[in-house]
């Protein structure tokens, strides 16, 4: 009998608890009488697909992992003509897409069994997928600058025994402030030019001298474990928000919104933020680039523009 639902578990997400999670999940599905219609499988540790069948063979793919694991599966989904529905069991550091769907809240409050039942019965809504240079795909965010630099340092050292122990006890976020403190004086060392059309389809060009902190591009209203970069974000309108963080104060305010019921433009009305369907980001030199919790080394190549635009949509399960 062909399985309709695929549960994909990253074995190293959630402080390397994925192996135990799969055992629990197998027991839950058996108890719910769903073993005949559901298959469970591990991803590779870096979040790539690791099954004998193609994703297009399933009606639903439910990913247990963090935003980076989900991003790797979205990379696969974006190129499929027949896309399975996507659900999330949040087991990572940020879990921003799971926060938007309600899965993070339900998992935190009522546990795995309640979440699995809700995902199997849940309804879907369309979610925009955006491309970067028609090579990489993202749903949550991408960007260059300070946060990408911090994530790069964290990624390079996350396999150290000490950080393994910290992640196993309290999660990966506990070590993050250490890497943030070590990079607070980082500035983008070259000038930037942003070319786009605003929401009214009027052309805009923004030129920034060297020294800005970061350029953040977001497609959902949650960033970096719950920060709120925009209050005007829609999940399926083909548009994304471009936010220019020029000062360290603006960067602090962005992350402060994680703890306050306000968005960044409400805290800082003067912040530069543009809604658009396509952006060309021009710069010289090399920089750290990240998208949906993943670091991409040597991307883009030095001196190459970044072009971000709407690519496709997927059906995302909401709770």
C-alpha atoms as a PDB file:
ATOM      1  CA  UNK A   1       0.000   0.000   0.000  1.00  0.00           C
ATOM      2  CA  UNK A   2       1.355   3.400  -0.965  1.00  0.00           C
ATOM      3  CA  UNK A   3       1.927   5.781   1.945  1.00  0.00           C
ATOM      4  CA  UNK A   4       0.110   9.114   1.703  1.00  0.00           C
ATOM      5  CA  UNK A   5       1.967  11.065   4.423  1.00  0.00           C
ATOM      6  CA  UNK A   6       5.724  11.269   4.913  1.00  0.00           C
ATOM      7  CA  UNK A   7       7.203  12.351   8.257  1.00  0.00           C
ATOM      8  CA  UNK A   8      10.798  13.542   7.751  1.00  0.00           C
ATOM      9  CA  UNK A   9      12.891  13.837  10.925  1.00  0.00           C
ATOM     10  CA  UNK A  10      16.265  15.538  11.144  1.00  0.00           C
ATOM     11  CA  UNK A  11      18.251  13.373  13.613  1.00  0.00           C
ATOM     12  CA  UNK A  12      20.386  16.278  14.866  1.00  0.00           C
ATOM     13  CA  UNK A  13      17.685  18.930  15.354  1.00  0.00           C
ATOM     14  CA  UNK A  14      16.505  19.888  18.822  1.00  0.00           C
ATOM     15  CA  UNK A  15      19.769  19.116  20.596  1.00  0.00           C
ATOM     16  CA  UNK A  16      20.186  15.873  18.590  1.00  0.00           C
ATOM     17  CA  UNK A  17      16.889  14.452  19.824  1.00  0.00           C
ATOM     18  CA  UNK A  18      15.655  13.358  16.403  1.00  0.00           C
ATOM     19  CA  UNK A  19      16.377   9.655  16.873  1.00  0.00           C
ATOM     20  CA  UNK A  20      14.272   9.499  20.019  1.00  0.00           C
ATOM     21  CA  UNK A  21      11.595  11.630  18.335  1.00  0.00           C
ATOM     22  CA  UNK A  22      11.240   9.098  15.522  1.00  0.00           C
ATOM     23  CA  UNK A  23      10.693   6.286  18.038  1.00  0.00           C
ATOM     24  CA  UNK A  24       7.992   8.303  19.813  1.00  0.00           C
ATOM     25  CA  UNK A  25       6.400   9.300  16.511  1.00  0.00           C
ATOM     26  CA  UNK A  26       6.271   5.689  15.294  1.00  0.00           C
ATOM     27  CA  UNK A  27       4.484   4.735  18.514  1.00  0.00           C
ATOM     28  CA  UNK A  28       2.024   7.622  18.213  1.00  0.00           C
ATOM     29  CA  UNK A  29       1.118   6.758  14.627  1.00  0.00           C
ATOM     30  CA  UNK A  30       0.586   3.125  15.588  1.00  0.00           C
ATOM     31  CA  UNK A  31      -1.671   4.208  18.452  1.00  0.00           C
ATOM     32  CA  UNK A  32      -3.675   6.421  16.096  1.00  0.00           C
ATOM     33  CA  UNK A  33      -4.033   3.575  13.586  1.00  0.00           C
ATOM     34  CA  UNK A  34      -2.102   5.587  10.970  1.00  0.00           C
ATOM     35  CA  UNK A  35       0.868   3.302  10.297  1.00  0.00           C
ATOM     36  CA  UNK A  36      -0.628   2.026   7.031  1.00  0.00           C
ATOM     37  CA  UNK A  37      -0.922   5.521   5.554  1.00  0.00           C
ATOM     38  CA  UNK A  38       2.119   7.226   7.123  1.00  0.00           C
ATOM     39  CA  UNK A  39       5.843   6.664   6.622  1.00  0.00           C
ATOM     40  CA  UNK A  40       8.628   7.994   8.845  1.00  0.00           C
ATOM     41  CA  UNK A  41      12.190   8.576   7.671  1.00  0.00           C
ATOM     42  CA  UNK A  42      15.297  10.481   8.714  1.00  0.00           C
ATOM     43  CA  UNK A  43      16.739  13.295   6.672  1.00  0.00           C
ATOM     44  CA  UNK A  44      20.489  13.507   6.391  1.00  0.00           C
ATOM     45  CA  UNK A  45      22.016  15.526   9.287  1.00  0.00           C
ATOM     46  CA  UNK A  46      22.192  18.608   7.043  1.00  0.00           C
ATOM     47  CA  UNK A  47      18.481  18.310   6.231  1.00  0.00           C
ATOM     48  CA  UNK A  48      18.498  16.696   2.790  1.00  0.00           C
ATOM     49  CA  UNK A  49      15.959  14.130   1.685  1.00  0.00           C
ATOM     50  CA  UNK A  50      16.896  10.539   2.507  1.00  0.00           C
ATOM     51  CA  UNK A  51      14.076   8.302   1.227  1.00  0.00           C
ATOM     52  CA  UNK A  52      13.686   5.838  -1.634  1.00  0.00           C
ATOM     53  CA  UNK A  53      10.614   7.641  -2.999  1.00  0.00           C
ATOM     54  CA  UNK A  54      10.299  11.165  -4.382  1.00  0.00           C
ATOM     55  CA  UNK A  55       8.485  13.890  -2.463  1.00  0.00           C
ATOM     56  CA  UNK A  56       6.001  14.173  -5.326  1.00  0.00           C
ATOM     57  CA  UNK A  57       4.818  10.636  -4.503  1.00  0.00           C
ATOM     58  CA  UNK A  58       3.257  11.841  -1.242  1.00  0.00           C
ATOM     59  CA  UNK A  59       0.205  13.961  -0.585  1.00  0.00           C
ATOM     60  CA  UNK A  60       1.676  15.428   2.607  1.00  0.00           C
ATOM     61  CA  UNK A  61       5.232  15.937   3.893  1.00  0.00           C
ATOM     62  CA  UNK A  62       5.600  16.770   7.605  1.00  0.00           C
ATOM     63  CA  UNK A  63       9.085  17.922   8.579  1.00  0.00           C
ATOM     64  CA  UNK A  64      10.436  17.555  12.119  1.00  0.00           C
ATOM     65  CA  UNK A  65      13.340  19.957  12.457  1.00  0.00           C
ATOM     66  CA  UNK A  66      14.262  23.611  12.480  1.00  0.00           C
ATOM     67  CA  UNK A  67      13.900  26.308   9.852  1.00  0.00           C
ATOM     68  CA  UNK A  68      17.060  25.101   8.119  1.00  0.00           C
ATOM     69  CA  UNK A  69      15.664  21.574   7.717  1.00  0.00           C
ATOM     70  CA  UNK A  70      12.378  22.950   6.401  1.00  0.00           C
ATOM     71  CA  UNK A  71      14.330  25.173   3.994  1.00  0.00           C
ATOM     72  CA  UNK A  72      16.105  22.158   2.509  1.00  0.00           C
ATOM     73  CA  UNK A  73      12.765  20.478   1.859  1.00  0.00           C
ATOM     74  CA  UNK A  74      11.345  23.703   0.367  1.00  0.00           C
ATOM     75  CA  UNK A  75      14.294  23.657  -2.049  1.00  0.00           C
ATOM     76  CA  UNK A  76      12.982  20.299  -3.262  1.00  0.00           C
ATOM     77  CA  UNK A  77       9.332  21.328  -3.287  1.00  0.00           C
ATOM     78  CA  UNK A  78       9.937  24.498  -5.309  1.00  0.00           C
ATOM     79  CA  UNK A  79      10.975  22.500  -8.371  1.00  0.00           C
ATOM     80  CA  UNK A  80       8.087  20.021  -8.289  1.00  0.00           C
ATOM     81  CA  UNK A  81       5.027  20.328 -10.485  1.00  0.00           C
ATOM     82  CA  UNK A  82       3.001  18.222  -8.023  1.00  0.00           C
ATOM     83  CA  UNK A  83       3.830  19.529  -4.557  1.00  0.00           C
ATOM     84  CA  UNK A  84       2.754  17.734  -1.372  1.00  0.00           C
ATOM     85  CA  UNK A  85       1.262  19.746   1.472  1.00  0.00           C
ATOM     86  CA  UNK A  86       3.882  20.846   3.995  1.00  0.00           C
ATOM     87  CA  UNK A  87       3.540  20.516   7.769  1.00  0.00           C
ATOM     88  CA  UNK A  88       6.076  21.275  10.512  1.00  0.00           C
ATOM     89  CA  UNK A  89       7.008  19.724  13.865  1.00  0.00           C
ATOM     90  CA  UNK A  90       9.259  22.476  15.321  1.00  0.00           C
ATOM     91  CA  UNK A  91      12.520  21.084  16.719  1.00  0.00           C
ATOM     92  CA  UNK A  92      15.034  23.798  15.863  1.00  0.00           C
ATOM     93  CA  UNK A  93      16.423  27.071  17.168  1.00  0.00           C
ATOM     94  CA  UNK A  94      14.203  29.707  15.533  1.00  0.00           C
ATOM     95  CA  UNK A  95      11.121  27.780  14.328  1.00  0.00           C
ATOM     96  CA  UNK A  96       9.777  30.915  12.663  1.00  0.00           C
ATOM     97  CA  UNK A  97       7.603  29.251  10.033  1.00  0.00           C
ATOM     98  CA  UNK A  98       6.137  26.965  12.709  1.00  0.00           C
ATOM     99  CA  UNK A  99       5.321  30.059  14.793  1.00  0.00           C
ATOM    100  CA  UNK A 100       3.317  31.458  11.887  1.00  0.00           C
ATOM    101  CA  UNK A 101       1.322  28.240  11.370  1.00  0.00           C
ATOM    102  CA  UNK A 102       0.480  27.795  15.048  1.00  0.00           C
ATOM    103  CA  UNK A 103       2.439  24.531  15.248  1.00  0.00           C
ATOM    104  CA  UNK A 104       5.059  25.982  17.632  1.00  0.00           C
ATOM    105  CA  UNK A 105       2.458  27.159  20.143  1.00  0.00           C
ATOM    106  CA  UNK A 106       0.499  23.892  20.071  1.00  0.00           C
ATOM    107  CA  UNK A 107       3.653  21.777  20.389  1.00  0.00           C
ATOM    108  CA  UNK A 108       4.873  23.872  23.329  1.00  0.00           C
ATOM    109  CA  UNK A 109       1.548  23.793  25.151  1.00  0.00           C
ATOM    110  CA  UNK A 110       0.119  20.338  24.425  1.00  0.00           C
ATOM    111  CA  UNK A 111       2.958  18.194  23.108  1.00  0.00           C
ATOM    112  CA  UNK A 112       3.653  15.951  20.147  1.00  0.00           C
ATOM    113  CA  UNK A 113       0.463  13.871  20.112  1.00  0.00           C
ATOM    114  CA  UNK A 114      -1.804  16.918  19.915  1.00  0.00           C
ATOM    115  CA  UNK A 115       0.362  18.440  17.191  1.00  0.00           C
ATOM    116  CA  UNK A 116       0.452  15.275  15.070  1.00  0.00           C
ATOM    117  CA  UNK A 117      -3.336  14.924  15.287  1.00  0.00           C
ATOM    118  CA  UNK A 118      -3.749  18.579  14.302  1.00  0.00           C
ATOM    119  CA  UNK A 119      -1.311  18.291  11.379  1.00  0.00           C
ATOM    120  CA  UNK A 120      -3.046  15.211  10.000  1.00  0.00           C
ATOM    121  CA  UNK A 121      -6.395  17.010  10.176  1.00  0.00           C
ATOM    122  CA  UNK A 122      -5.168  20.542   9.483  1.00  0.00           C
ATOM    123  CA  UNK A 123      -6.218  22.826   6.659  1.00  0.00           C
ATOM    124  CA  UNK A 124      -3.752  24.454   4.306  1.00  0.00           C
ATOM    125  CA  UNK A 125      -3.100  27.982   3.152  1.00  0.00           C
ATOM    126  CA  UNK A 126      -0.863  29.031   0.252  1.00  0.00           C
ATOM    127  CA  UNK A 127       2.600  30.324   1.095  1.00  0.00           C
ATOM    128  CA  UNK A 128       4.852  32.301  -1.243  1.00  0.00           C
ATOM    129  CA  UNK A 129       8.249  30.899  -2.161  1.00  0.00           C
ATOM    130  CA  UNK A 130      10.883  33.356  -3.380  1.00  0.00           C
ATOM    131  CA  UNK A 131      14.043  32.727  -5.386  1.00  0.00           C
ATOM    132  CA  UNK A 132      17.520  34.218  -5.094  1.00  0.00           C
ATOM    133  CA  UNK A 133      19.319  34.400  -8.446  1.00  0.00           C
ATOM    134  CA  UNK A 134      16.942  31.604  -9.532  1.00  0.00           C
ATOM    135  CA  UNK A 135      19.158  29.139  -7.620  1.00  0.00           C
ATOM    136  CA  UNK A 136      18.072  29.258  -3.978  1.00  0.00           C
ATOM    137  CA  UNK A 137      14.531  29.305  -2.623  1.00  0.00           C
ATOM    138  CA  UNK A 138      13.236  30.650   0.666  1.00  0.00           C
ATOM    139  CA  UNK A 139       9.946  31.340   2.427  1.00  0.00           C
ATOM    140  CA  UNK A 140      10.974  33.098   5.650  1.00  0.00           C
ATOM    141  CA  UNK A 141      13.882  35.443   5.021  1.00  0.00           C
ATOM    142  CA  UNK A 142      17.255  36.008   3.444  1.00  0.00           C
ATOM    143  CA  UNK A 143      19.857  38.682   3.999  1.00  0.00           C
ATOM    144  CA  UNK A 144      23.402  39.893   4.307  1.00  0.00           C
ATOM    145  CA  UNK A 145      25.185  41.675   7.136  1.00  0.00           C
ATOM    146  CA  UNK A 146      25.298  41.371  10.911  1.00  0.00           C
ATOM    147  CA  UNK A 147      22.867  38.501  11.566  1.00  0.00           C
ATOM    148  CA  UNK A 148      24.384  36.469   8.739  1.00  0.00           C
ATOM    149  CA  UNK A 149      27.844  37.109  10.211  1.00  0.00           C
ATOM    150  CA  UNK A 150      26.666  35.940  13.672  1.00  0.00           C
ATOM    151  CA  UNK A 151      25.021  32.851  12.171  1.00  0.00           C
ATOM    152  CA  UNK A 152      28.185  32.078  10.246  1.00  0.00           C
ATOM    153  CA  UNK A 153      30.287  32.115  13.436  1.00  0.00           C
ATOM    154  CA  UNK A 154      27.686  30.016  15.241  1.00  0.00           C
ATOM    155  CA  UNK A 155      27.560  27.504  12.386  1.00  0.00           C
ATOM    156  CA  UNK A 156      31.333  27.131  12.227  1.00  0.00           C
ATOM    157  CA  UNK A 157      31.592  26.336  15.940  1.00  0.00           C
ATOM    158  CA  UNK A 158      28.271  24.623  16.704  1.00  0.00           C
ATOM    159  CA  UNK A 159      29.824  21.147  16.558  1.00  0.00           C
ATOM    160  CA  UNK A 160      32.245  21.911  19.377  1.00  0.00           C
ATOM    161  CA  UNK A 161      31.667  19.556  22.348  1.00  0.00           C
ATOM    162  CA  UNK A 162      30.787  22.425  24.685  1.00  0.00           C
ATOM    163  CA  UNK A 163      28.064  23.753  22.368  1.00  0.00           C
ATOM    164  CA  UNK A 164      26.735  20.228  21.874  1.00  0.00           C
ATOM    165  CA  UNK A 165      26.295  19.978  25.630  1.00  0.00           C
ATOM    166  CA  UNK A 166      24.622  23.399  25.851  1.00  0.00           C
ATOM    167  CA  UNK A 167      22.246  22.600  22.975  1.00  0.00           C
ATOM    168  CA  UNK A 168      21.295  19.279  24.539  1.00  0.00           C
ATOM    169  CA  UNK A 169      20.430  20.964  27.843  1.00  0.00           C
ATOM    170  CA  UNK A 170      18.835  24.282  26.930  1.00  0.00           C
ATOM    171  CA  UNK A 171      18.734  24.499  23.115  1.00  0.00           C
ATOM    172  CA  UNK A 172      20.882  26.247  20.543  1.00  0.00           C
ATOM    173  CA  UNK A 173      19.591  29.738  21.306  1.00  0.00           C
ATOM    174  CA  UNK A 174      21.420  29.802  24.644  1.00  0.00           C
ATOM    175  CA  UNK A 175      24.804  30.047  22.911  1.00  0.00           C
ATOM    176  CA  UNK A 176      23.667  32.614  20.350  1.00  0.00           C
ATOM    177  CA  UNK A 177      24.147  35.783  22.471  1.00  0.00           C
ATOM    178  CA  UNK A 178      27.829  34.885  22.892  1.00  0.00           C
ATOM    179  CA  UNK A 179      28.378  35.007  19.126  1.00  0.00           C
ATOM    180  CA  UNK A 180      26.248  38.149  18.824  1.00  0.00           C
ATOM    181  CA  UNK A 181      28.414  39.959  21.389  1.00  0.00           C
ATOM    182  CA  UNK A 182      31.561  39.076  19.458  1.00  0.00           C
ATOM    183  CA  UNK A 183      30.224  40.619  16.245  1.00  0.00           C
ATOM    184  CA  UNK A 184      28.438  43.773  17.418  1.00  0.00           C
ATOM    185  CA  UNK A 185      30.943  46.062  15.725  1.00  0.00           C
ATOM    186  CA  UNK A 186      30.587  44.385  12.339  1.00  0.00           C
ATOM    187  CA  UNK A 187      29.590  46.637   9.446  1.00  0.00           C
ATOM    188  CA  UNK A 188      29.087  45.800   5.774  1.00  0.00           C
ATOM    189  CA  UNK A 189      32.430  46.952   4.331  1.00  0.00           C
ATOM    190  CA  UNK A 190      31.173  48.162   0.943  1.00  0.00           C
ATOM    191  CA  UNK A 191      28.499  50.382  -0.587  1.00  0.00           C
ATOM    192  CA  UNK A 192      25.102  48.936  -1.536  1.00  0.00           C
ATOM    193  CA  UNK A 193      22.568  49.757  -4.213  1.00  0.00           C
ATOM    194  CA  UNK A 194      18.989  48.499  -3.981  1.00  0.00           C
ATOM    195  CA  UNK A 195      16.834  48.607  -7.117  1.00  0.00           C
ATOM    196  CA  UNK A 196      13.152  47.644  -6.961  1.00  0.00           C
ATOM    197  CA  UNK A 197       9.581  48.775  -7.568  1.00  0.00           C
ATOM    198  CA  UNK A 198       7.536  49.666  -4.514  1.00  0.00           C
ATOM    199  CA  UNK A 199       4.049  48.407  -3.735  1.00  0.00           C
ATOM    200  CA  UNK A 200       2.589  50.966  -6.143  1.00  0.00           C
ATOM    201  CA  UNK A 201       4.930  49.679  -8.896  1.00  0.00           C
ATOM    202  CA  UNK A 202       6.929  52.912  -8.789  1.00  0.00           C
ATOM    203  CA  UNK A 203      10.675  52.360  -9.430  1.00  0.00           C
ATOM    204  CA  UNK A 204      12.962  53.014  -6.493  1.00  0.00           C
ATOM    205  CA  UNK A 205      16.718  53.098  -6.119  1.00  0.00           C
ATOM    206  CA  UNK A 206      18.385  53.313  -2.731  1.00  0.00           C
ATOM    207  CA  UNK A 207      22.122  53.862  -2.390  1.00  0.00           C
ATOM    208  CA  UNK A 208      23.908  53.170   0.892  1.00  0.00           C
ATOM    209  CA  UNK A 209      27.494  53.933   1.707  1.00  0.00           C
ATOM    210  CA  UNK A 210      29.761  51.402   3.373  1.00  0.00           C
ATOM    211  CA  UNK A 211      28.964  50.764   7.028  1.00  0.00           C
ATOM    212  CA  UNK A 212      25.339  49.598   7.079  1.00  0.00           C
ATOM    213  CA  UNK A 213      24.578  46.761   9.478  1.00  0.00           C
ATOM    214  CA  UNK A 214      22.384  44.508   7.347  1.00  0.00           C
ATOM    215  CA  UNK A 215      19.794  44.176   4.610  1.00  0.00           C
ATOM    216  CA  UNK A 216      16.952  41.864   5.589  1.00  0.00           C
ATOM    217  CA  UNK A 217      14.388  40.423   3.167  1.00  0.00           C
ATOM    218  CA  UNK A 218      11.359  38.777   4.787  1.00  0.00           C
ATOM    219  CA  UNK A 219       8.346  36.855   3.512  1.00  0.00           C
ATOM    220  CA  UNK A 220       6.653  35.999   6.825  1.00  0.00           C
ATOM    221  CA  UNK A 221       5.946  38.060   9.980  1.00  0.00           C
ATOM    222  CA  UNK A 222       8.394  36.159  12.228  1.00  0.00           C
ATOM    223  CA  UNK A 223      12.187  36.346  12.172  1.00  0.00           C
ATOM    224  CA  UNK A 224      15.020  35.034  14.374  1.00  0.00           C
ATOM    225  CA  UNK A 225      12.843  33.113  16.854  1.00  0.00           C
ATOM    226  CA  UNK A 226       9.905  35.477  16.946  1.00  0.00           C
ATOM    227  CA  UNK A 227      11.123  38.987  16.129  1.00  0.00           C
ATOM    228  CA  UNK A 228       8.579  41.092  14.200  1.00  0.00           C
ATOM    229  CA  UNK A 229      10.181  42.883  11.257  1.00  0.00           C
ATOM    230  CA  UNK A 230       6.915  43.994   9.613  1.00  0.00           C
ATOM    231  CA  UNK A 231       3.217  44.520  10.381  1.00  0.00           C
ATOM    232  CA  UNK A 232       2.235  44.598   6.714  1.00  0.00           C
ATOM    233  CA  UNK A 233       3.236  41.095   5.694  1.00  0.00           C
ATOM    234  CA  UNK A 234       0.922  38.751   3.781  1.00  0.00           C
ATOM    235  CA  UNK A 235       1.858  35.134   3.158  1.00  0.00           C
ATOM    236  CA  UNK A 236       0.530  34.736  -0.376  1.00  0.00           C
ATOM    237  CA  UNK A 237       0.466  38.096  -2.151  1.00  0.00           C
ATOM    238  CA  UNK A 238       3.706  37.655  -4.132  1.00  0.00           C
ATOM    239  CA  UNK A 239       5.439  40.452  -2.202  1.00  0.00           C
ATOM    240  CA  UNK A 240       8.227  40.560   0.376  1.00  0.00           C
ATOM    241  CA  UNK A 241       9.586  43.247   2.704  1.00  0.00           C
ATOM    242  CA  UNK A 242      13.079  44.738   2.368  1.00  0.00           C
ATOM    243  CA  UNK A 243      14.359  46.283   5.613  1.00  0.00           C
ATOM    244  CA  UNK A 244      17.595  48.258   5.772  1.00  0.00           C
ATOM    245  CA  UNK A 245      19.292  48.172   9.187  1.00  0.00           C
ATOM    246  CA  UNK A 246      21.793  51.015   9.179  1.00  0.00           C
ATOM    247  CA  UNK A 247      22.667  51.336  12.879  1.00  0.00           C
ATOM    248  CA  UNK A 248      23.294  49.086  15.847  1.00  0.00           C
ATOM    249  CA  UNK A 249      20.324  50.701  17.610  1.00  0.00           C
ATOM    250  CA  UNK A 250      18.002  49.650  14.779  1.00  0.00           C
ATOM    251  CA  UNK A 251      19.398  46.125  14.996  1.00  0.00           C
ATOM    252  CA  UNK A 252      18.718  46.014  18.757  1.00  0.00           C
ATOM    253  CA  UNK A 253      15.175  47.294  18.177  1.00  0.00           C
ATOM    254  CA  UNK A 254      14.562  44.586  15.570  1.00  0.00           C
ATOM    255  CA  UNK A 255      15.448  41.865  18.049  1.00  0.00           C
ATOM    256  CA  UNK A 256      13.609  43.610  20.887  1.00  0.00           C
ATOM    257  CA  UNK A 257      10.331  43.066  19.013  1.00  0.00           C
ATOM    258  CA  UNK A 258      10.677  39.389  19.945  1.00  0.00           C
ATOM    259  CA  UNK A 259       9.580  40.378  23.460  1.00  0.00           C
ATOM    260  CA  UNK A 260       7.065  43.130  22.662  1.00  0.00           C
ATOM    261  CA  UNK A 261       3.671  43.100  20.890  1.00  0.00           C
ATOM    262  CA  UNK A 262       4.849  45.645  18.315  1.00  0.00           C
ATOM    263  CA  UNK A 263       6.672  45.490  14.992  1.00  0.00           C
ATOM    264  CA  UNK A 264       9.893  47.220  13.987  1.00  0.00           C
ATOM    265  CA  UNK A 265       8.221  50.005  11.923  1.00  0.00           C
ATOM    266  CA  UNK A 266       5.950  50.725  14.903  1.00  0.00           C
ATOM    267  CA  UNK A 267       8.992  51.095  17.166  1.00  0.00           C
ATOM    268  CA  UNK A 268      11.012  52.996  14.557  1.00  0.00           C
ATOM    269  CA  UNK A 269       8.710  54.756  12.065  1.00  0.00           C
ATOM    270  CA  UNK A 270      11.743  56.154  10.211  1.00  0.00           C
ATOM    271  CA  UNK A 271      13.164  52.702   9.385  1.00  0.00           C
ATOM    272  CA  UNK A 272      13.678  52.113   5.658  1.00  0.00           C
ATOM    273  CA  UNK A 273      11.319  49.335   4.585  1.00  0.00           C
ATOM    274  CA  UNK A 274       9.958  48.573   1.109  1.00  0.00           C
ATOM    275  CA  UNK A 275       7.379  46.035  -0.066  1.00  0.00           C
ATOM    276  CA  UNK A 276       8.175  44.689  -3.504  1.00  0.00           C
ATOM    277  CA  UNK A 277       7.907  41.673  -5.810  1.00  0.00           C
ATOM    278  CA  UNK A 278      11.475  41.908  -7.107  1.00  0.00           C
ATOM    279  CA  UNK A 279      14.737  43.325  -5.773  1.00  0.00           C
ATOM    280  CA  UNK A 280      18.199  43.690  -7.244  1.00  0.00           C
ATOM    281  CA  UNK A 281      20.858  44.155  -4.573  1.00  0.00           C
ATOM    282  CA  UNK A 282      24.160  45.363  -6.020  1.00  0.00           C
ATOM    283  CA  UNK A 283      27.445  45.411  -4.146  1.00  0.00           C
ATOM    284  CA  UNK A 284      31.133  44.664  -4.506  1.00  0.00           C
ATOM    285  CA  UNK A 285      33.156  42.355  -2.296  1.00  0.00           C
ATOM    286  CA  UNK A 286      32.242  39.152  -0.494  1.00  0.00           C
ATOM    287  CA  UNK A 287      29.890  38.832   2.448  1.00  0.00           C
ATOM    288  CA  UNK A 288      28.010  36.339   4.621  1.00  0.00           C
ATOM    289  CA  UNK A 289      24.633  35.382   3.176  1.00  0.00           C
ATOM    290  CA  UNK A 290      21.878  33.420   4.905  1.00  0.00           C
ATOM    291  CA  UNK A 291      18.383  32.231   4.057  1.00  0.00           C
ATOM    292  CA  UNK A 292      15.860  30.470   6.314  1.00  0.00           C
ATOM    293  CA  UNK A 293      18.415  29.417   8.899  1.00  0.00           C
ATOM    294  CA  UNK A 294      20.945  28.153   6.362  1.00  0.00           C
ATOM    295  CA  UNK A 295      24.352  29.645   5.572  1.00  0.00           C
ATOM    296  CA  UNK A 296      25.460  29.503   1.954  1.00  0.00           C
ATOM    297  CA  UNK A 297      29.243  29.706   1.583  1.00  0.00           C
ATOM    298  CA  UNK A 298      30.572  31.622  -1.424  1.00  0.00           C
ATOM    299  CA  UNK A 299      27.087  32.745  -2.417  1.00  0.00           C
ATOM    300  CA  UNK A 300      26.769  34.982  -4.188  1.00  0.00           C
ATOM    301  CA  UNK A 301      30.156  34.974  -5.923  1.00  0.00           C
ATOM    302  CA  UNK A 302      32.137  38.122  -5.244  1.00  0.00           C
ATOM    303  CA  UNK A 303      30.829  41.044  -7.259  1.00  0.00           C
ATOM    304  CA  UNK A 304      27.622  39.307  -8.376  1.00  0.00           C
ATOM    305  CA  UNK A 305      24.239  40.952  -7.822  1.00  0.00           C
ATOM    306  CA  UNK A 306      21.503  39.361  -5.761  1.00  0.00           C
ATOM    307  CA  UNK A 307      18.134  39.200  -7.526  1.00  0.00           C
ATOM    308  CA  UNK A 308      15.173  38.230  -5.344  1.00  0.00           C
ATOM    309  CA  UNK A 309      11.717  37.592  -6.813  1.00  0.00           C
ATOM    310  CA  UNK A 310       8.565  35.548  -6.395  1.00  0.00           C
ATOM    311  CA  UNK A 311       8.965  31.978  -7.687  1.00  0.00           C
ATOM    312  CA  UNK A 312       6.019  29.749  -6.732  1.00  0.00           C
ATOM    313  CA  UNK A 313       3.687  28.788  -3.885  1.00  0.00           C
ATOM    314  CA  UNK A 314       3.310  25.769  -1.636  1.00  0.00           C
ATOM    315  CA  UNK A 315       0.369  24.603   0.495  1.00  0.00           C
ATOM    316  CA  UNK A 316       1.278  24.964   4.183  1.00  0.00           C
ATOM    317  CA  UNK A 317      -0.661  23.239   6.975  1.00  0.00           C
ATOM    318  CA  UNK A 318      -1.983  25.637   9.620  1.00  0.00           C
ATOM    319  CA  UNK A 319      -3.199  24.596  13.056  1.00  0.00           C
END
